[in-house]
Protein backbone atom coordinates (compact mmCIF):
# COMPACT_ATOMS: atom_id res chain seq x y z
CA MET A 1 342.92 136.27 -11.04
CA THR A 2 339.62 137.68 -9.84
CA LEU A 3 337.00 136.69 -7.29
CA GLN A 4 334.57 136.22 -10.16
CA GLN A 5 336.82 133.53 -11.62
CA TYR A 6 336.83 131.79 -8.24
CA ARG A 7 333.03 131.95 -8.19
CA TYR A 8 332.97 130.17 -11.54
CA ILE A 9 335.22 127.41 -10.18
CA VAL A 10 333.02 126.88 -7.11
CA GLU A 11 329.85 126.82 -9.21
CA ILE A 12 331.34 124.25 -11.59
CA SER A 13 332.05 122.00 -8.59
CA LYS A 14 328.35 122.05 -7.68
CA HIS A 15 327.23 120.80 -11.09
CA ASN A 16 330.26 119.02 -12.59
CA SER A 17 329.25 120.84 -15.75
CA ILE A 18 330.33 124.16 -17.23
CA SER A 19 327.03 124.62 -19.07
CA LYS A 20 324.98 124.04 -15.91
CA ALA A 21 327.22 126.37 -13.93
CA ALA A 22 326.74 129.02 -16.60
CA ALA A 23 322.97 128.62 -16.45
CA ALA A 24 322.97 128.89 -12.66
CA LEU A 25 325.01 132.11 -12.77
CA TYR A 26 323.15 133.55 -15.78
CA VAL A 27 326.28 133.83 -17.91
CA THR A 28 327.28 132.14 -21.16
CA GLN A 29 329.24 128.91 -21.28
CA PRO A 30 332.10 130.51 -23.27
CA THR A 31 332.46 133.13 -20.53
CA ILE A 32 333.17 130.48 -17.90
CA SER A 33 335.32 128.38 -20.25
CA LYS A 34 337.46 131.42 -21.04
CA ALA A 35 337.81 132.28 -17.35
CA VAL A 36 338.94 128.75 -16.51
CA GLN A 37 341.44 128.75 -19.38
CA GLU A 38 342.87 132.09 -18.23
CA MET A 39 343.34 130.71 -14.71
CA GLU A 40 345.01 127.58 -16.07
CA ASN A 41 347.40 129.70 -18.15
CA GLU A 42 348.17 132.04 -15.27
CA LEU A 43 348.80 129.25 -12.76
CA GLY A 44 350.35 126.81 -15.20
CA ILE A 45 348.07 123.96 -14.16
CA THR A 46 345.17 121.95 -15.54
CA ILE A 47 342.05 122.59 -13.46
CA LEU A 48 339.51 120.41 -15.24
CA ASP A 49 339.47 117.22 -17.24
CA ARG A 50 336.69 117.13 -19.84
CA THR A 51 334.70 113.88 -20.22
CA ASN A 52 331.56 112.83 -22.08
CA LYS A 53 329.64 113.08 -18.80
CA GLY A 54 330.88 116.54 -17.86
CA VAL A 55 334.02 117.83 -16.19
CA VAL A 56 336.17 116.41 -13.41
CA PHE A 57 338.55 118.39 -11.22
CA THR A 58 342.19 117.36 -11.39
CA LYS A 59 344.23 116.99 -8.20
CA GLN A 60 345.55 120.54 -8.64
CA GLY A 61 342.05 121.65 -9.54
CA MET A 62 340.77 120.30 -6.22
CA GLU A 63 343.47 122.25 -4.40
CA LEU A 64 342.44 125.41 -6.24
CA LEU A 65 338.80 124.72 -5.39
CA PHE A 66 339.71 124.54 -1.69
CA TYR A 67 341.37 127.96 -1.81
CA ALA A 68 338.58 129.39 -3.95
CA LYS A 69 335.98 128.47 -1.34
CA MET A 70 338.16 129.88 1.42
CA LEU A 71 338.67 133.18 -0.42
CA LEU A 72 334.96 133.57 -1.14
CA GLU A 73 334.13 132.90 2.50
CA GLN A 74 336.63 135.59 3.49
CA GLU A 75 335.04 137.96 0.99
CA GLU A 76 331.64 137.34 2.59
CA SER A 77 333.12 138.06 6.01
CA VAL A 78 334.57 141.36 4.81
CA VAL A 79 331.31 142.42 3.18
CA TYR A 80 329.36 141.43 6.28
CA HIS A 81 331.76 143.35 8.54
CA PHE A 82 331.49 146.63 6.66
CA ASN A 83 327.78 146.33 5.97
CA LYS A 84 326.83 144.85 9.32
CA GLN A 85 324.44 147.62 10.28
CA LYS A 86 322.67 147.46 6.93
CA THR A 87 322.51 143.67 7.07
CA MET A 88 321.04 143.73 10.56
CA ASN A 89 318.39 146.25 9.55
CA LEU A 90 317.20 144.49 6.40
CA THR A 91 315.71 141.02 6.18
CA LYS A 92 315.88 139.78 2.60
CA PHE A 93 315.22 136.33 1.15
CA SER A 94 313.08 134.38 -1.32
CA ILE A 95 310.95 131.28 -0.75
CA SER A 96 309.49 129.00 -3.41
CA SER A 97 306.48 126.80 -2.79
CA GLN A 98 304.02 124.56 -4.50
CA HIS A 99 300.53 126.05 -4.64
CA TYR A 100 299.79 125.74 -0.92
CA GLY A 101 297.61 128.03 1.16
CA PHE A 102 299.52 127.15 4.33
CA ALA A 103 302.75 128.46 2.78
CA ILE A 104 301.04 131.79 2.08
CA GLU A 105 299.49 131.93 5.55
CA ALA A 106 302.95 131.36 7.03
CA THR A 107 304.23 134.26 4.93
CA SER A 108 301.47 136.54 6.24
CA ASN A 109 302.32 135.57 9.80
CA LEU A 110 306.01 136.24 9.14
CA MET A 111 305.17 139.70 7.79
CA ASN A 112 303.28 140.46 11.00
CA TYR A 113 306.21 139.12 13.00
CA LEU A 114 308.58 141.44 11.11
CA ASP A 115 306.32 144.46 11.54
CA GLY A 116 308.44 147.52 12.29
CA ARG A 117 311.51 146.06 10.56
CA LYS A 118 312.79 146.54 7.02
CA TYR A 119 312.39 143.50 4.79
CA GLN A 120 312.33 142.41 1.16
CA LEU A 121 310.61 139.05 0.75
CA THR A 122 309.86 137.18 -2.47
CA ILE A 123 307.37 134.31 -2.65
CA ARG A 124 307.30 132.16 -5.78
CA GLU A 125 304.62 129.56 -6.51
CA GLY A 126 305.14 126.71 -8.94
CA LYS A 127 305.35 122.98 -9.51
CA ALA A 128 307.64 120.78 -7.40
CA THR A 129 310.28 120.69 -10.14
CA GLU A 130 310.26 124.49 -10.32
CA VAL A 131 310.61 124.76 -6.54
CA ILE A 132 313.64 122.47 -6.59
CA SER A 133 315.14 124.37 -9.52
CA ASP A 134 314.77 127.67 -7.65
CA VAL A 135 316.57 126.30 -4.59
CA CYS A 136 319.32 124.68 -6.68
CA ALA A 137 319.96 127.95 -8.54
CA ASN A 138 319.87 129.93 -5.28
CA ARG A 139 316.89 131.95 -6.52
CA SER A 140 315.17 130.85 -3.31
CA ILE A 141 316.76 129.95 -0.01
CA LEU A 142 313.90 127.63 0.95
CA GLY A 143 311.44 125.49 -0.99
CA VAL A 144 308.11 124.18 0.33
CA LEU A 145 306.97 121.00 -1.39
CA SER A 146 305.58 117.52 -0.86
CA LEU A 147 306.66 114.00 -1.72
CA THR A 148 304.39 111.04 -2.43
CA ASP A 149 305.02 107.32 -2.51
CA LEU A 150 305.22 107.47 -6.32
CA ASN A 151 307.69 110.33 -6.71
CA LYS A 152 309.71 110.00 -3.50
CA ASP A 153 312.58 107.96 -4.97
CA PHE A 154 312.85 110.27 -7.99
CA PHE A 155 313.01 113.45 -5.91
CA GLU A 156 315.29 112.00 -3.22
CA HIS A 157 317.79 111.12 -5.96
CA CYS A 158 317.42 114.69 -7.22
CA PHE A 159 318.12 116.05 -3.72
CA ILE A 160 321.28 113.97 -3.32
CA SER A 161 322.67 114.83 -6.75
CA ASN A 162 322.12 118.56 -6.14
CA SER A 163 323.34 118.66 -2.51
CA LEU A 164 319.89 119.46 -1.16
CA ILE A 165 318.34 118.47 2.18
CA PHE A 166 314.62 117.73 2.53
CA THR A 167 313.08 118.05 5.99
CA PRO A 168 309.57 116.57 6.37
CA LEU A 169 307.15 118.44 8.63
CA VAL A 170 303.82 116.62 8.36
CA SER A 171 302.59 113.34 6.82
CA LEU A 172 299.08 113.32 5.32
CA ARG A 173 296.86 111.08 3.22
CA GLN A 174 295.71 112.33 -0.17
CA HIS A 175 292.32 114.04 -0.24
CA VAL A 176 289.93 115.22 -2.94
CA PHE A 177 289.19 118.95 -3.06
CA LEU A 178 285.71 119.84 -4.38
CA ARG A 179 282.85 122.26 -3.75
CA ARG A 180 280.11 121.70 -1.17
CA GLU A 181 277.47 121.33 -3.94
CA HIS A 182 279.44 118.62 -5.76
CA PRO A 183 277.44 115.40 -6.33
CA LEU A 184 280.08 113.48 -4.33
CA ALA A 185 280.35 115.97 -1.46
CA HIS A 186 278.12 113.89 0.83
CA LEU A 187 280.48 110.89 0.79
CA LYS A 188 282.87 110.10 3.66
CA SER A 189 285.51 108.89 1.19
CA ILE A 190 285.88 108.88 -2.60
CA THR A 191 287.42 106.46 -5.08
CA LEU A 192 289.17 107.37 -8.33
CA GLU A 193 286.46 105.45 -10.20
CA GLN A 194 283.79 107.74 -8.75
CA LEU A 195 285.70 110.76 -10.04
CA MET A 196 285.99 109.56 -13.63
CA ASP A 197 283.02 111.59 -14.94
CA TYR A 198 284.18 114.89 -13.43
CA PRO A 199 286.79 117.43 -14.63
CA TYR A 200 290.21 117.06 -13.06
CA LEU A 201 291.92 120.36 -12.21
CA THR A 202 295.70 120.31 -11.90
CA TYR A 203 298.80 122.50 -11.93
CA GLN A 204 300.64 119.74 -13.75
CA GLN A 205 301.84 120.61 -17.24
CA ASN A 206 302.63 118.55 -20.32
CA ASP A 207 306.29 119.48 -20.13
CA VAL A 208 306.74 117.54 -16.87
CA LEU A 209 307.04 113.77 -16.63
CA LEU A 210 303.54 112.58 -15.81
CA HIS A 211 304.96 109.61 -13.93
CA PHE A 212 305.98 112.07 -11.25
CA ALA A 213 302.83 114.19 -11.18
CA GLU A 214 302.46 116.06 -7.90
CA GLU A 215 299.04 114.57 -7.26
CA ALA A 216 300.37 111.05 -8.01
CA ILE A 217 297.48 110.29 -10.35
CA ASN A 218 297.67 108.69 -13.79
CA LEU A 219 296.51 111.42 -16.15
CA ASP A 220 296.14 108.92 -19.00
CA ASN A 221 293.00 107.62 -17.31
CA ILE A 222 291.33 111.03 -17.01
CA ASN A 223 288.80 112.14 -19.66
CA LYS A 224 288.44 115.81 -18.65
CA ILE A 225 291.46 117.83 -17.57
CA LEU A 226 291.96 121.54 -16.96
CA TYR A 227 295.53 122.77 -16.49
CA LEU A 228 296.02 125.89 -14.37
CA GLU A 229 298.97 128.04 -13.36
CA ASP A 230 297.34 130.16 -10.66
CA ARG A 231 296.15 129.12 -7.19
CA GLY A 232 293.44 131.79 -7.23
CA ALA A 233 292.05 130.40 -10.48
CA MET A 234 292.12 126.90 -8.99
CA ASN A 235 290.08 128.03 -5.97
CA ASN A 236 287.57 129.93 -8.10
CA ILE A 237 286.94 127.09 -10.54
CA LEU A 238 286.79 124.47 -7.79
CA SER A 239 284.15 126.47 -5.93
CA ASN A 240 281.98 127.08 -9.01
CA THR A 241 282.12 123.81 -10.98
CA ASN A 242 282.04 120.06 -10.41
CA GLY A 243 285.76 119.86 -11.03
CA TYR A 244 288.09 118.37 -8.44
CA ASN A 245 291.73 118.40 -7.40
CA ILE A 246 293.77 115.90 -5.40
CA GLY A 247 296.17 117.08 -2.72
CA THR A 248 296.93 117.39 0.98
CA GLY A 249 293.35 118.02 2.09
CA CYS A 250 294.48 121.06 4.10
CA ILE A 251 291.79 123.74 4.32
CA VAL A 252 293.41 127.04 5.24
CA LYS A 253 290.78 129.46 6.53
CA ASN A 254 290.82 132.91 4.92
CA TYR A 255 293.19 131.61 2.22
CA MET A 256 290.77 129.29 0.43
CA ASN A 257 287.22 129.73 -0.79
CA PRO A 258 284.90 128.63 2.07
CA ASN A 259 282.85 126.65 -0.45
CA ILE A 260 285.74 124.20 -0.93
CA ILE A 261 285.94 121.03 1.18
CA SER A 262 288.24 118.00 1.20
CA ILE A 263 287.27 114.32 1.41
CA PRO A 264 289.66 111.36 1.88
CA LEU A 265 290.70 109.51 -1.27
CA GLU A 266 290.38 105.74 -0.88
CA GLY A 267 293.59 103.78 -1.42
CA SER A 268 295.51 107.04 -1.48
CA ASN A 269 299.23 107.61 -1.18
CA LEU A 270 300.98 109.17 1.78
CA ILE A 271 302.08 112.79 1.31
CA GLN A 272 305.11 114.18 3.14
CA VAL A 273 305.01 117.96 3.28
CA GLY A 274 308.24 119.70 4.18
CA PHE A 275 310.93 122.07 3.02
CA VAL A 276 314.10 121.70 0.99
CA LYS A 277 317.29 123.75 1.19
CA ARG A 278 320.86 123.58 0.00
CA ASP A 279 323.12 121.71 2.41
CA ASP A 280 325.46 124.70 2.69
CA ILE A 281 322.73 127.14 3.72
CA PHE A 282 322.40 128.29 7.32
CA LEU A 283 318.83 129.00 8.42
CA SER A 284 318.51 132.46 9.95
CA GLU A 285 316.23 133.34 12.84
CA GLU A 286 313.67 134.70 10.36
CA LEU A 287 313.68 131.51 8.29
CA LEU A 288 313.31 129.35 11.40
CA THR A 289 310.38 131.54 12.43
CA TYR A 290 308.82 131.05 8.99
CA ILE A 291 309.21 127.28 9.35
CA ASP A 292 307.50 127.46 12.76
CA PHE A 293 304.60 129.39 11.21
CA LEU A 294 304.49 126.90 8.33
CA THR A 295 304.33 123.92 10.68
CA LYS A 296 301.62 125.58 12.78
CA SER A 297 299.52 126.36 9.68
CA LEU A 298 299.97 122.80 8.40
CA ILE A 299 298.82 121.24 11.67
CA GLU A 300 295.85 123.58 12.07
CA SER A 301 294.64 123.16 8.48
CA ALA A 302 295.25 119.41 8.19
CA PRO A 303 292.20 117.14 7.76
CA LYS A 304 290.79 116.00 11.10
CA ASN A 305 289.84 112.59 9.78
CA LEU A 306 293.40 111.22 9.67
């Protein structure tokens, strides 16, 4: 038996599915199935029972899973011991986030904090579902995202089923982002009805369930919609057209076009901004520092009319 086979067993336990485990490890399903069969033949036991809903570990399979986790932890200890100096000298991790300026500002502050040290950081921006997928697949150690009243139950179920923990940092009311020259910019608050004649700008895509749209708005009632993938494009179009976007209302100086403002949305939903991680992940000093910077940026950029 090999450590790789043990990794397959542990990954299967996270998903209760061989196909999902294969996708998470970027290998084919037959590769994992063959590895499991070889272990069963070598040990003379049945590790998994196949069902219509996935796979279930047998009693002996659970015992093997226990030892597999223990062996992999020992492997990590050995690697850490002999590469301790290298590990201490290099900070390396990935963070995924929805398209938030405060997440990028926190990254900039972390880079300044790490000045003089070696590091390899990766920042990914995407929709909430992509952020969660990155954390589940261990592509990112931390995910920055928000929950609303409309999608909270859906995402909390997703967190539980994938052994994720969501930690809220700040609660905000939804705001409308628009340019200073927008016909509605003089108002103290805006209704959805008042926005009907203007283009709606969103990162939401057709391949995501619209019932769980990040902005918690019914896209079926919108006449003009522009889908974007890039935060820079969003800022540029917002500042040069009468389009609008709905979000946290946070205005991050130096990370957003100064021509963009935010106005409270009447009857809006509560937004909980926070971070999600796997429940088996330990937060390092650098990650805790990033979270401190993130919280500080959130508080400083939050709307003052709350």
